[in-house]
Amino acid sequence: MSFSGKPTTFVEQTIENDGFWPDLSVSEFQKGYRLPAEFLGDLLTDALAIAMVEVNTDLAAVKAVLQDSGVLNLAPEASVNTPAAWAYAHKVMLYKRAVYCRAKASALQQFATVTRRESAENTGKEAPEREDTFLAFSQSAVRTLQGRGRITAALL
């Protein structure tokens, strides 16, 4: 339930990915990233699908390297009991963080158009720095998957 008193309705929908990266769950996104109950399922599904495509584009080179090394896909394994399986599970977690944070940043931009009360503004949902924070989380996960650190420097 959100602070508005509206119960959160979880959207049981899976967004199919490209066959390499894992499919994404709208309800997992809602639960893990505490999205306001005011958001409609269509808005969340749309934000998640767009973020997925953007992150997939950012990670095209990473996908190619992994495929060249013999990795067919990063679908979650039933048992994670070897170092290789742990490495893939970590990549899946980072991938989902990249997509879910980017989707949340996008959804938060739209919150003011979803609901507006003159009596109070909920800065936890609407403050511009919230969007920047989640975009930074997403980009950090993308950079980690790309094998880059937090900062990149180039000699000019």
N, C-alpha and C. Protein backbone atom coordinates (compact mmCIF):
# COMPACT_ATOMS: atom_id res chain seq x y z
N MET A 1 0.85 -1.17 0.00
CA MET A 1 0.00 0.00 0.00
C MET A 1 0.90 1.24 0.00
N SER A 2 0.54 2.24 -0.78
CA SER A 2 1.34 3.46 -0.84
C SER A 2 0.87 4.44 0.23
N PHE A 3 1.56 5.56 0.34
CA PHE A 3 1.19 6.57 1.32
C PHE A 3 -0.16 7.20 1.02
N SER A 4 -0.63 7.04 -0.20
CA SER A 4 -1.92 7.60 -0.56
C SER A 4 -3.07 6.76 -0.01
N GLY A 5 -2.74 5.56 0.48
CA GLY A 5 -3.76 4.67 0.98
C GLY A 5 -4.29 3.73 -0.09
N LYS A 6 -3.79 3.89 -1.31
CA LYS A 6 -4.22 3.01 -2.39
C LYS A 6 -3.43 1.71 -2.31
N PRO A 7 -4.10 0.58 -2.42
CA PRO A 7 -3.37 -0.69 -2.42
C PRO A 7 -2.60 -0.84 -3.73
N THR A 8 -1.43 -1.43 -3.65
CA THR A 8 -0.63 -1.67 -4.85
C THR A 8 -1.12 -2.96 -5.49
N THR A 9 -1.46 -2.86 -6.76
CA THR A 9 -1.87 -4.03 -7.52
C THR A 9 -0.66 -4.47 -8.33
N PHE A 10 -0.18 -5.67 -8.06
CA PHE A 10 1.00 -6.15 -8.76
C PHE A 10 0.60 -6.68 -10.13
N VAL A 11 1.36 -6.28 -11.12
CA VAL A 11 1.10 -6.67 -12.50
C VAL A 11 1.89 -7.93 -12.80
N GLU A 12 1.18 -9.04 -12.96
CA GLU A 12 1.83 -10.33 -13.24
C GLU A 12 2.04 -10.44 -14.74
N GLN A 13 3.11 -9.81 -15.21
CA GLN A 13 3.41 -9.83 -16.64
C GLN A 13 4.90 -9.99 -16.82
N THR A 14 5.29 -10.78 -17.79
CA THR A 14 6.70 -10.96 -18.12
C THR A 14 6.97 -10.27 -19.44
N ILE A 15 8.06 -9.53 -19.48
CA ILE A 15 8.47 -8.87 -20.72
C ILE A 15 9.59 -9.72 -21.32
N GLU A 16 9.29 -10.27 -22.50
CA GLU A 16 10.27 -11.13 -23.17
C GLU A 16 11.45 -10.31 -23.63
N ASN A 17 12.62 -10.86 -23.39
CA ASN A 17 13.85 -10.19 -23.80
C ASN A 17 14.33 -10.82 -25.11
N ASP A 18 15.58 -10.59 -25.44
CA ASP A 18 16.14 -10.99 -26.73
C ASP A 18 16.64 -12.43 -26.80
N GLY A 19 16.44 -13.21 -25.76
CA GLY A 19 16.92 -14.58 -25.75
C GLY A 19 18.27 -14.74 -25.08
N PHE A 20 19.02 -13.66 -24.98
CA PHE A 20 20.31 -13.71 -24.28
C PHE A 20 20.16 -13.18 -22.86
N TRP A 21 19.71 -11.96 -22.76
CA TRP A 21 19.47 -11.35 -21.45
C TRP A 21 18.19 -11.94 -20.87
N PRO A 22 18.05 -11.96 -19.54
CA PRO A 22 16.86 -12.59 -18.95
C PRO A 22 15.58 -11.80 -19.22
N ASP A 23 14.46 -12.54 -19.27
CA ASP A 23 13.15 -11.89 -19.34
C ASP A 23 12.94 -11.11 -18.05
N LEU A 24 12.06 -10.12 -18.10
CA LEU A 24 11.86 -9.25 -16.94
C LEU A 24 10.41 -9.34 -16.45
N SER A 25 10.26 -9.27 -15.14
CA SER A 25 8.95 -9.38 -14.50
C SER A 25 8.51 -8.01 -14.00
N VAL A 26 7.33 -7.59 -14.42
CA VAL A 26 6.80 -6.30 -13.96
C VAL A 26 6.56 -6.34 -12.45
N SER A 27 6.04 -7.45 -11.93
CA SER A 27 5.78 -7.53 -10.48
C SER A 27 7.08 -7.53 -9.68
N GLU A 28 8.12 -8.18 -10.18
CA GLU A 28 9.43 -8.14 -9.51
C GLU A 28 9.94 -6.69 -9.46
N PHE A 29 9.76 -5.98 -10.56
CA PHE A 29 10.13 -4.57 -10.64
C PHE A 29 9.34 -3.75 -9.62
N GLN A 30 8.03 -3.96 -9.54
CA GLN A 30 7.19 -3.22 -8.60
C GLN A 30 7.60 -3.50 -7.16
N LYS A 31 7.80 -4.76 -6.83
CA LYS A 31 8.14 -5.15 -5.45
C LYS A 31 9.53 -4.70 -5.06
N GLY A 32 10.49 -4.91 -5.94
CA GLY A 32 11.88 -4.61 -5.62
C GLY A 32 12.21 -3.13 -5.58
N TYR A 33 11.47 -2.34 -6.34
CA TYR A 33 11.80 -0.92 -6.45
C TYR A 33 10.71 -0.01 -5.92
N ARG A 34 9.78 -0.57 -5.15
CA ARG A 34 8.77 0.16 -4.39
C ARG A 34 8.16 1.31 -5.19
N LEU A 35 7.49 0.96 -6.25
CA LEU A 35 6.87 1.96 -7.10
C LEU A 35 5.53 2.40 -6.51
N PRO A 36 5.18 3.66 -6.66
CA PRO A 36 3.91 4.15 -6.10
C PRO A 36 2.71 3.41 -6.68
N ALA A 37 1.72 3.18 -5.85
CA ALA A 37 0.51 2.46 -6.27
C ALA A 37 -0.25 3.23 -7.35
N GLU A 38 0.00 4.53 -7.45
CA GLU A 38 -0.71 5.35 -8.43
C GLU A 38 -0.33 5.02 -9.88
N PHE A 39 0.81 4.38 -10.07
CA PHE A 39 1.23 4.05 -11.42
C PHE A 39 0.38 2.92 -11.99
N LEU A 40 -0.10 3.09 -13.18
CA LEU A 40 -0.87 2.06 -13.86
C LEU A 40 0.08 1.01 -14.43
N GLY A 41 -0.40 -0.19 -14.59
CA GLY A 41 0.41 -1.27 -15.12
C GLY A 41 0.99 -0.96 -16.49
N ASP A 42 0.20 -0.30 -17.34
CA ASP A 42 0.68 0.02 -18.69
C ASP A 42 1.87 0.97 -18.64
N LEU A 43 1.83 1.94 -17.74
CA LEU A 43 2.96 2.87 -17.61
C LEU A 43 4.22 2.12 -17.18
N LEU A 44 4.08 1.22 -16.22
CA LEU A 44 5.22 0.45 -15.73
C LEU A 44 5.77 -0.49 -16.81
N THR A 45 4.87 -1.15 -17.51
CA THR A 45 5.29 -2.07 -18.57
C THR A 45 6.02 -1.33 -19.67
N ASP A 46 5.50 -0.17 -20.04
CA ASP A 46 6.12 0.65 -21.07
C ASP A 46 7.51 1.14 -20.63
N ALA A 47 7.60 1.65 -19.41
CA ALA A 47 8.90 2.14 -18.90
C ALA A 47 9.91 1.01 -18.84
N LEU A 48 9.47 -0.17 -18.43
CA LEU A 48 10.36 -1.31 -18.32
C LEU A 48 10.83 -1.79 -19.70
N ALA A 49 9.94 -1.85 -20.66
CA ALA A 49 10.31 -2.29 -22.01
C ALA A 49 11.29 -1.32 -22.66
N ILE A 50 11.05 -0.02 -22.51
CA ILE A 50 11.96 0.98 -23.08
C ILE A 50 13.33 0.91 -22.42
N ALA A 51 13.35 0.79 -21.09
CA ALA A 51 14.62 0.69 -20.37
C ALA A 51 15.38 -0.56 -20.79
N MET A 52 14.67 -1.66 -20.99
CA MET A 52 15.29 -2.91 -21.41
C MET A 52 16.00 -2.72 -22.76
N VAL A 53 15.33 -2.11 -23.72
CA VAL A 53 15.92 -1.89 -25.04
C VAL A 53 17.15 -0.97 -24.93
N GLU A 54 17.05 0.08 -24.13
CA GLU A 54 18.18 1.01 -23.96
C GLU A 54 19.39 0.31 -23.34
N VAL A 55 19.16 -0.47 -22.29
CA VAL A 55 20.26 -1.17 -21.63
C VAL A 55 20.85 -2.24 -22.56
N ASN A 56 19.99 -2.95 -23.29
CA ASN A 56 20.48 -3.94 -24.26
C ASN A 56 21.40 -3.28 -25.29
N THR A 57 21.03 -2.09 -25.73
CA THR A 57 21.86 -1.35 -26.68
C THR A 57 23.20 -0.99 -26.05
N ASP A 58 23.17 -0.50 -24.80
CA ASP A 58 24.39 -0.14 -24.10
C ASP A 58 25.31 -1.34 -23.91
N LEU A 59 24.72 -2.53 -23.78
CA LEU A 59 25.49 -3.74 -23.47
C LEU A 59 25.71 -4.64 -24.69
N ALA A 60 25.51 -4.13 -25.89
CA ALA A 60 25.68 -4.95 -27.09
C ALA A 60 27.08 -5.54 -27.18
N ALA A 61 28.09 -4.75 -26.87
CA ALA A 61 29.48 -5.25 -26.93
C ALA A 61 29.73 -6.32 -25.87
N VAL A 62 29.17 -6.15 -24.69
CA VAL A 62 29.31 -7.14 -23.61
C VAL A 62 28.67 -8.46 -24.04
N LYS A 63 27.49 -8.37 -24.61
CA LYS A 63 26.78 -9.56 -25.09
C LYS A 63 27.63 -10.29 -26.14
N ALA A 64 28.22 -9.54 -27.07
CA ALA A 64 29.04 -10.15 -28.12
C ALA A 64 30.24 -10.88 -27.53
N VAL A 65 30.90 -10.27 -26.55
CA VAL A 65 32.06 -10.89 -25.91
C VAL A 65 31.65 -12.18 -25.21
N LEU A 66 30.54 -12.12 -24.46
CA LEU A 66 30.07 -13.31 -23.76
C LEU A 66 29.68 -14.42 -24.73
N GLN A 67 29.01 -14.06 -25.81
CA GLN A 67 28.62 -15.06 -26.80
C GLN A 67 29.85 -15.66 -27.48
N ASP A 68 30.85 -14.83 -27.77
CA ASP A 68 32.09 -15.32 -28.38
C ASP A 68 32.82 -16.29 -27.47
N SER A 69 32.61 -16.14 -26.15
CA SER A 69 33.27 -17.04 -25.20
C SER A 69 32.43 -18.29 -24.92
N GLY A 70 31.31 -18.43 -25.63
CA GLY A 70 30.51 -19.65 -25.52
C GLY A 70 29.29 -19.56 -24.63
N VAL A 71 28.97 -18.39 -24.10
CA VAL A 71 27.78 -18.24 -23.26
C VAL A 71 26.58 -18.05 -24.18
N LEU A 72 25.64 -18.97 -24.11
CA LEU A 72 24.46 -18.91 -24.98
C LEU A 72 23.45 -17.88 -24.51
N ASN A 73 23.26 -17.81 -23.17
CA ASN A 73 22.33 -16.82 -22.61
C ASN A 73 22.62 -16.68 -21.12
N LEU A 74 22.04 -15.66 -20.52
CA LEU A 74 22.19 -15.45 -19.09
C LEU A 74 20.87 -15.68 -18.37
N ALA A 75 20.14 -16.68 -18.82
CA ALA A 75 18.91 -17.05 -18.12
C ALA A 75 19.28 -17.53 -16.72
N PRO A 76 18.50 -17.16 -15.73
CA PRO A 76 18.81 -17.58 -14.36
C PRO A 76 18.88 -19.10 -14.25
N GLU A 77 19.93 -19.57 -13.63
CA GLU A 77 20.12 -21.00 -13.43
C GLU A 77 19.33 -21.48 -12.22
N ALA A 78 18.88 -22.71 -12.25
CA ALA A 78 18.14 -23.27 -11.12
C ALA A 78 19.05 -23.41 -9.91
N SER A 79 20.30 -23.82 -10.14
CA SER A 79 21.23 -23.96 -9.02
C SER A 79 22.49 -23.17 -9.32
N VAL A 80 22.90 -22.39 -8.37
CA VAL A 80 24.09 -21.57 -8.51
C VAL A 80 25.12 -22.12 -7.53
N ASN A 81 25.87 -23.14 -8.00
CA ASN A 81 26.79 -23.80 -7.09
C ASN A 81 28.21 -23.92 -7.62
N THR A 82 28.52 -23.23 -8.70
CA THR A 82 29.88 -23.21 -9.21
C THR A 82 30.32 -21.76 -9.38
N PRO A 83 31.63 -21.51 -9.41
CA PRO A 83 32.09 -20.13 -9.61
C PRO A 83 31.55 -19.51 -10.90
N ALA A 84 31.48 -20.28 -11.97
CA ALA A 84 30.95 -19.74 -13.23
C ALA A 84 29.48 -19.38 -13.08
N ALA A 85 28.73 -20.24 -12.40
CA ALA A 85 27.30 -19.96 -12.20
C ALA A 85 27.11 -18.71 -11.34
N TRP A 86 27.97 -18.54 -10.32
CA TRP A 86 27.89 -17.33 -9.50
C TRP A 86 28.18 -16.09 -10.35
N ALA A 87 29.17 -16.19 -11.23
CA ALA A 87 29.51 -15.04 -12.08
C ALA A 87 28.33 -14.67 -12.97
N TYR A 88 27.65 -15.69 -13.54
CA TYR A 88 26.50 -15.41 -14.39
C TYR A 88 25.35 -14.85 -13.57
N ALA A 89 25.13 -15.39 -12.38
CA ALA A 89 24.06 -14.89 -11.51
C ALA A 89 24.31 -13.43 -11.16
N HIS A 90 25.58 -13.08 -10.93
CA HIS A 90 25.92 -11.69 -10.62
C HIS A 90 25.63 -10.80 -11.82
N LYS A 91 25.96 -11.26 -13.01
CA LYS A 91 25.67 -10.48 -14.21
C LYS A 91 24.16 -10.28 -14.38
N VAL A 92 23.38 -11.31 -14.08
CA VAL A 92 21.92 -11.19 -14.17
C VAL A 92 21.42 -10.15 -13.18
N MET A 93 21.94 -10.17 -11.95
CA MET A 93 21.52 -9.18 -10.95
C MET A 93 21.89 -7.77 -11.39
N LEU A 94 23.10 -7.59 -11.93
CA LEU A 94 23.52 -6.27 -12.41
C LEU A 94 22.66 -5.82 -13.58
N TYR A 95 22.36 -6.76 -14.48
CA TYR A 95 21.53 -6.42 -15.63
C TYR A 95 20.15 -5.93 -15.18
N LYS A 96 19.54 -6.69 -14.28
CA LYS A 96 18.22 -6.30 -13.78
C LYS A 96 18.28 -4.96 -13.06
N ARG A 97 19.33 -4.73 -12.29
CA ARG A 97 19.48 -3.43 -11.61
C ARG A 97 19.56 -2.31 -12.64
N ALA A 98 20.34 -2.52 -13.70
CA ALA A 98 20.48 -1.50 -14.74
C ALA A 98 19.12 -1.17 -15.36
N VAL A 99 18.37 -2.20 -15.69
CA VAL A 99 17.08 -1.98 -16.35
C VAL A 99 16.06 -1.41 -15.38
N TYR A 100 15.94 -2.01 -14.19
CA TYR A 100 14.91 -1.57 -13.25
C TYR A 100 15.16 -0.14 -12.76
N CYS A 101 16.40 0.21 -12.52
CA CYS A 101 16.70 1.58 -12.08
C CYS A 101 16.42 2.58 -13.20
N ARG A 102 16.77 2.22 -14.42
CA ARG A 102 16.50 3.13 -15.54
C ARG A 102 15.00 3.28 -15.74
N ALA A 103 14.26 2.19 -15.59
CA ALA A 103 12.80 2.25 -15.73
C ALA A 103 12.18 3.09 -14.61
N LYS A 104 12.70 2.94 -13.39
CA LYS A 104 12.15 3.72 -12.28
C LYS A 104 12.44 5.20 -12.49
N ALA A 105 13.64 5.53 -12.97
CA ALA A 105 13.96 6.93 -13.25
C ALA A 105 12.98 7.51 -14.27
N SER A 106 12.68 6.73 -15.29
CA SER A 106 11.73 7.17 -16.31
C SER A 106 10.33 7.33 -15.73
N ALA A 107 9.90 6.36 -14.93
CA ALA A 107 8.57 6.42 -14.33
C ALA A 107 8.44 7.60 -13.37
N LEU A 108 9.49 7.87 -12.60
CA LEU A 108 9.44 8.99 -11.65
C LEU A 108 9.29 10.32 -12.37
N GLN A 109 9.85 10.45 -13.56
CA GLN A 109 9.69 11.68 -14.34
C GLN A 109 8.22 11.93 -14.64
N GLN A 110 7.46 10.85 -14.78
CA GLN A 110 6.07 10.97 -15.18
C GLN A 110 5.11 11.09 -14.01
N PHE A 111 5.62 10.99 -12.79
CA PHE A 111 4.72 10.95 -11.63
C PHE A 111 3.84 12.19 -11.55
N ALA A 112 4.40 13.36 -11.83
CA ALA A 112 3.61 14.59 -11.72
C ALA A 112 2.43 14.60 -12.68
N THR A 113 2.52 13.85 -13.77
CA THR A 113 1.39 13.80 -14.70
C THR A 113 0.39 12.71 -14.33
N VAL A 114 0.79 11.80 -13.44
CA VAL A 114 -0.10 10.72 -13.02
C VAL A 114 -1.07 11.21 -11.96
N THR A 115 -0.55 11.95 -10.98
CA THR A 115 -1.40 12.44 -9.90
C THR A 115 -0.83 13.75 -9.39
N ARG A 116 -1.69 14.67 -9.05
CA ARG A 116 -1.22 15.95 -8.53
C ARG A 116 -2.21 16.42 -7.48
N ARG A 117 -1.72 16.68 -6.30
CA ARG A 117 -2.56 17.21 -5.23
C ARG A 117 -2.03 18.59 -4.87
N GLU A 118 -2.90 19.56 -4.84
CA GLU A 118 -2.48 20.91 -4.49
C GLU A 118 -2.06 21.01 -3.04
N SER A 119 -2.63 20.17 -2.19
CA SER A 119 -2.36 20.29 -0.76
C SER A 119 -0.97 19.84 -0.36
N ALA A 120 -0.36 18.98 -1.13
CA ALA A 120 0.97 18.49 -0.74
C ALA A 120 1.70 17.93 -1.94
N GLU A 121 3.02 18.08 -1.90
CA GLU A 121 3.87 17.52 -2.94
C GLU A 121 4.75 16.48 -2.28
N ASN A 122 4.79 15.32 -2.84
CA ASN A 122 5.61 14.25 -2.27
C ASN A 122 6.96 14.26 -2.96
N THR A 123 7.93 14.94 -2.35
CA THR A 123 9.25 15.08 -2.98
C THR A 123 9.97 13.75 -3.10
N GLY A 124 9.59 12.77 -2.32
CA GLY A 124 10.20 11.45 -2.45
C GLY A 124 9.89 10.82 -3.80
N LYS A 125 8.79 11.24 -4.41
CA LYS A 125 8.41 10.72 -5.71
C LYS A 125 8.77 11.68 -6.84
N GLU A 126 8.84 12.97 -6.54
CA GLU A 126 8.93 13.94 -7.61
C GLU A 126 10.24 14.71 -7.69
N ALA A 127 11.07 14.69 -6.69
CA ALA A 127 12.28 15.49 -6.70
C ALA A 127 13.18 15.07 -7.86
N PRO A 128 13.74 16.05 -8.59
CA PRO A 128 14.59 15.72 -9.74
C PRO A 128 15.78 14.85 -9.37
N GLU A 129 16.31 15.02 -8.17
CA GLU A 129 17.47 14.21 -7.79
C GLU A 129 17.14 12.73 -7.65
N ARG A 130 15.86 12.39 -7.46
CA ARG A 130 15.47 10.98 -7.40
C ARG A 130 15.72 10.32 -8.75
N GLU A 131 15.34 11.00 -9.82
CA GLU A 131 15.58 10.49 -11.17
C GLU A 131 17.07 10.32 -11.40
N ASP A 132 17.86 11.34 -11.05
CA ASP A 132 19.31 11.28 -11.24
C ASP A 132 19.92 10.13 -10.45
N THR A 133 19.43 9.90 -9.25
CA THR A 133 19.95 8.81 -8.42
C THR A 133 19.73 7.46 -9.10
N PHE A 134 18.52 7.22 -9.60
CA PHE A 134 18.24 5.93 -10.22
C PHE A 134 18.93 5.78 -11.56
N LEU A 135 19.09 6.88 -12.30
CA LEU A 135 19.87 6.80 -13.54
C LEU A 135 21.33 6.47 -13.23
N ALA A 136 21.85 7.03 -12.15
CA ALA A 136 23.23 6.72 -11.75
C ALA A 136 23.36 5.25 -11.34
N PHE A 137 22.38 4.72 -10.61
CA PHE A 137 22.39 3.29 -10.25
C PHE A 137 22.42 2.43 -11.51
N SER A 138 21.57 2.78 -12.48
CA SER A 138 21.50 2.02 -13.73
C SER A 138 22.83 2.08 -14.46
N GLN A 139 23.38 3.28 -14.59
CA GLN A 139 24.64 3.43 -15.33
C GLN A 139 25.79 2.72 -14.64
N SER A 140 25.78 2.72 -13.33
CA SER A 140 26.82 2.00 -12.57
C SER A 140 26.76 0.51 -12.87
N ALA A 141 25.57 -0.06 -12.92
CA ALA A 141 25.42 -1.48 -13.23
C ALA A 141 25.87 -1.77 -14.67
N VAL A 142 25.53 -0.89 -15.60
CA VAL A 142 25.95 -1.06 -17.00
C VAL A 142 27.47 -1.03 -17.09
N ARG A 143 28.10 -0.06 -16.43
CA ARG A 143 29.57 0.06 -16.48
C ARG A 143 30.24 -1.17 -15.86
N THR A 144 29.68 -1.70 -14.79
CA THR A 144 30.25 -2.89 -14.18
C THR A 144 30.17 -4.07 -15.15
N LEU A 145 29.02 -4.23 -15.81
CA LEU A 145 28.88 -5.31 -16.79
C LEU A 145 29.83 -5.11 -17.98
N GLN A 146 30.14 -3.88 -18.31
CA GLN A 146 31.07 -3.60 -19.39
C GLN A 146 32.54 -3.77 -18.98
N GLY A 147 32.76 -4.02 -17.68
CA GLY A 147 34.12 -4.20 -17.21
C GLY A 147 34.83 -2.89 -16.95
N ARG A 148 34.08 -1.83 -16.84
CA ARG A 148 34.66 -0.51 -16.56
C ARG A 148 34.38 -0.15 -15.12
N GLY A 149 35.20 0.70 -14.55
CA GLY A 149 34.99 1.14 -13.18
C GLY A 149 33.99 2.28 -13.12
N ARG A 150 33.97 2.94 -11.99
CA ARG A 150 33.03 4.07 -11.81
C ARG A 150 33.43 5.28 -12.64
N ILE A 151 34.73 5.41 -12.93
CA ILE A 151 35.23 6.58 -13.66
C ILE A 151 36.07 6.10 -14.82
N THR A 152 35.93 6.76 -15.96
CA THR A 152 36.75 6.47 -17.11
C THR A 152 37.52 7.73 -17.46
N ALA A 153 38.81 7.60 -17.68
CA ALA A 153 39.65 8.73 -18.08
C ALA A 153 40.35 8.38 -19.36
N ALA A 154 40.53 9.36 -20.19
CA ALA A 154 41.23 9.15 -21.47
C ALA A 154 42.30 10.21 -21.61
N LEU A 155 43.43 9.81 -22.14
CA LEU A 155 44.53 10.74 -22.42
C LEU A 155 44.23 11.42 -23.73
N LEU A 156 44.13 12.72 -23.72
CA LEU A 156 43.79 13.45 -24.96
C LEU A 156 45.02 13.91 -25.67
